Amino acid sequence: MRPVKKIDLFILKSFFQLFIGTFFICLFIFMMQFLWRFVDDLVGKGLDINIMAQFFFYSALSLVPLSLPLAVLLASLITFGNFGERYELLAMKAAGIPLTRIMRPLIVFCFLISGISFYFQNIIAPQAQVKLYTLLISMRQKSPELDIPEGSFYGEIEGFNIYINKKNRDTGMMYGMIIYDLSQGFSRTNIIVADSGHLEMSPTKKFLLLKLYSGEQFENLKEQSASTKNVPYRRESFSEKQVIIDFDAAFSMVDGGFLNNQSVSKNIFQLQSSIDSMRVRGDSIGHAYYVQAKRYDYKTPILKKEPITKGPNAGKEKPVAEKDTTLLGAINTDSIYLASTLSTKKTLIASTYSSISSMQNNWKFKSISVNETDKQIRRHSTEWHKKITTSLACLIFFFIGAPLGGIIRKGGIGMPVVVSVLIFIVYYIIDNTGYKMARDGNTAVFAGMWISSAILAPTGLFLTYKSNKDAVVFNLGAVTNLLKVILGIRLNRHIAVKEVVIEDPDYTAIDQQLTALSTNCMLYHKKHKLRSAPNYIRTWKQSERDSAVEQIDEQLEAIVEQLSQSRNAAIIAATNELPILSTAAHKSPLKGTTLNLIAALLLPVGALLFLRIWMFRIRLKNDLQQVIATSKKIQLLIENKNFY
């Protein structure tokens, strides 16, 4: 067994200390977000401290797998950012230690974290989820704690509406009370008006004891009806009255057995077993429905004709349904319908509509059954994949955070926190979108659940490769130049005066070269007529390169290379005015006549490319004119000997 080196211990110690801190910070943030979702179920219920402790404990256990990836990302960013900021990473690389060797002990540690995450997902989280949601349902069913506000009706007590004008919070006395007792129904409402009163809970927390002072009670003696004109009632005046109200305020835990069939309460083996069972059952039901539909055994009554013996139509025949039935396709229903009387047609239409409605409802019920089975299979499959992808995210985030920290080289909790939050938001959006698409059946379960890993894993490998090679990850200048070329934005020269020049340019030769260059530019311009639009068909047929423009560009760049050695600022400034020529943009963009003809036939694409070619022809004409004018300017400077 190879001994653990001191550098490995140093890296592990630096990472582990930050990981513990970031993990509890991330867990606290996710718990606050989870608490905010269910705050309405907790506030105002008078829950005991042990119930609240259970809620936070089970929620923390269920949120551990979600907190681990973000903690790994943040800890790796800060660790390697600190290494880069303190030049420790540079020292290790200077000693010949590659980045992959520096990351090796942390890779092993992150594999361990992924295993812990999977254990929580597979063993602890399902049990914690059952306990947590059982607790939440019990909290929702608990009656709220009594806190009757002043100046408004309070209806949280079932069957009662209570109004108080003023309340003394020190003594608990309430003044100006109006109570509507609706426990016996709206038609037998009891109204109690009292000068003051006091409300308290019974020791068993099963009843409310309402003590009223100096008031009256109005009670209807029978139910009201539309025909009743006088409603007898009873009026009672009292100096003290006690009312007992049923109000169960005790907390009782509901039976959480119904959650055992949910996907969140099962481990990976139970999920796979449930998926197999549901698929077998769904296949058998679907096959039975298919056989039933293929058999087409929906029957309709046969109509036979019987003579009419009475009435004005005596002697004629009318269609009458037989008791026996036959298949719908065995008879010509159109001929029977056309031969029927109006009353019979009405009966047939009503009977047909009833049969079709019954058939439609029957198949709707069957489709609901099949769709519900498919829905449960998808929910179980997404949960099965989620246990693996969430655990694997710990390792993926490490391969993103560690090299990115080495590239950024900023420690502390400033830049790393911002970068990690942005990366996690991107991951969460992609992962949540894929999960919902897989759950709702909009995409395959495997594709939806693994899309985030498929995007972030190559990103991590790319960053690791770039950081290991000390290469620039994002060259803004190169990307900007590429976009300028694609969009047709002109590139400018940036030649500076050199402080040290080994050999001065041969200005006599340069003067002759500028004359030849200007002559070639004028001849090309007269021959090609660049301002006018090119022939559309000829543009796509000619896919060869423009050798004349390429020769002009070579002459121009050779002159610029010689003039860049000048010590004269005026000549350098004039040289910067020489344009950078585009030698191929004014020709057909694709290689080969076949591809060009295909692009020409696609009118939207061909028209846009043709306009781009015309635009670059006009630009080439302006550039050639600029070359001629600038060449004369440089020649004038050379003639005036203004270059020392």
Foldseek 3Di string as FASTA:
>chain_A
DDDDDPLLVVLCVQLVVQLVVQLVVLLVVVLVVVCVVQVVLPPQQPDDPVLVVLLSVLSSLLCNLVSLLLSLLLSLLQSLLQCLQVVVVVVCVVVVQFPCNSCVSVLVVLLVQLVVSLCSQFPVQLVSVLSNVLSSVLSNPAQGHDDDDAPAWDPSAPQKTKYFHDADPVVQKTAFIWMWGQVVHPQWIKIKTAGMWHWDADPQQFKIKIKGAFIKMKTFPDGDDPPDDDTDIDMDTDGIDIDIGGHRRDGDGDDSPVCCPALSNHGLVVLVVVLVVLVVVLVVLVVVVVVVVVVQPDKDFDWDWDADCDDPRHGHIATDTDPDIDGPVPDDVVVNLVPHDPVVVVVVVVVVVVSVVVVVVVVVVSVVVSVVSVLRSLSSLLSSLLSNVSSVSNSLSSLQNNLVSNLVSHHDCDVSVVVSVVVVVVLCVQQVVLSVCSSVVVDPSVCSNCVSVVVSNVVSVLSSVCSSVVHDPDDPVVVVVVVCVVVVNFDFDDQDADPDFPDAFDVVVLLVLLVVLLVLLVVVCVVPVLLDQDDLLVLLQDQDFDVSVVVSQVSLVVSLVNQSRFNFPVSPVLSRQQGRADRDLLGQPDHDSVVSVVQCVVPVSSVVSSVSNSVSSVVNNVNSVSSNVSSVVNSVCVVVVRGD
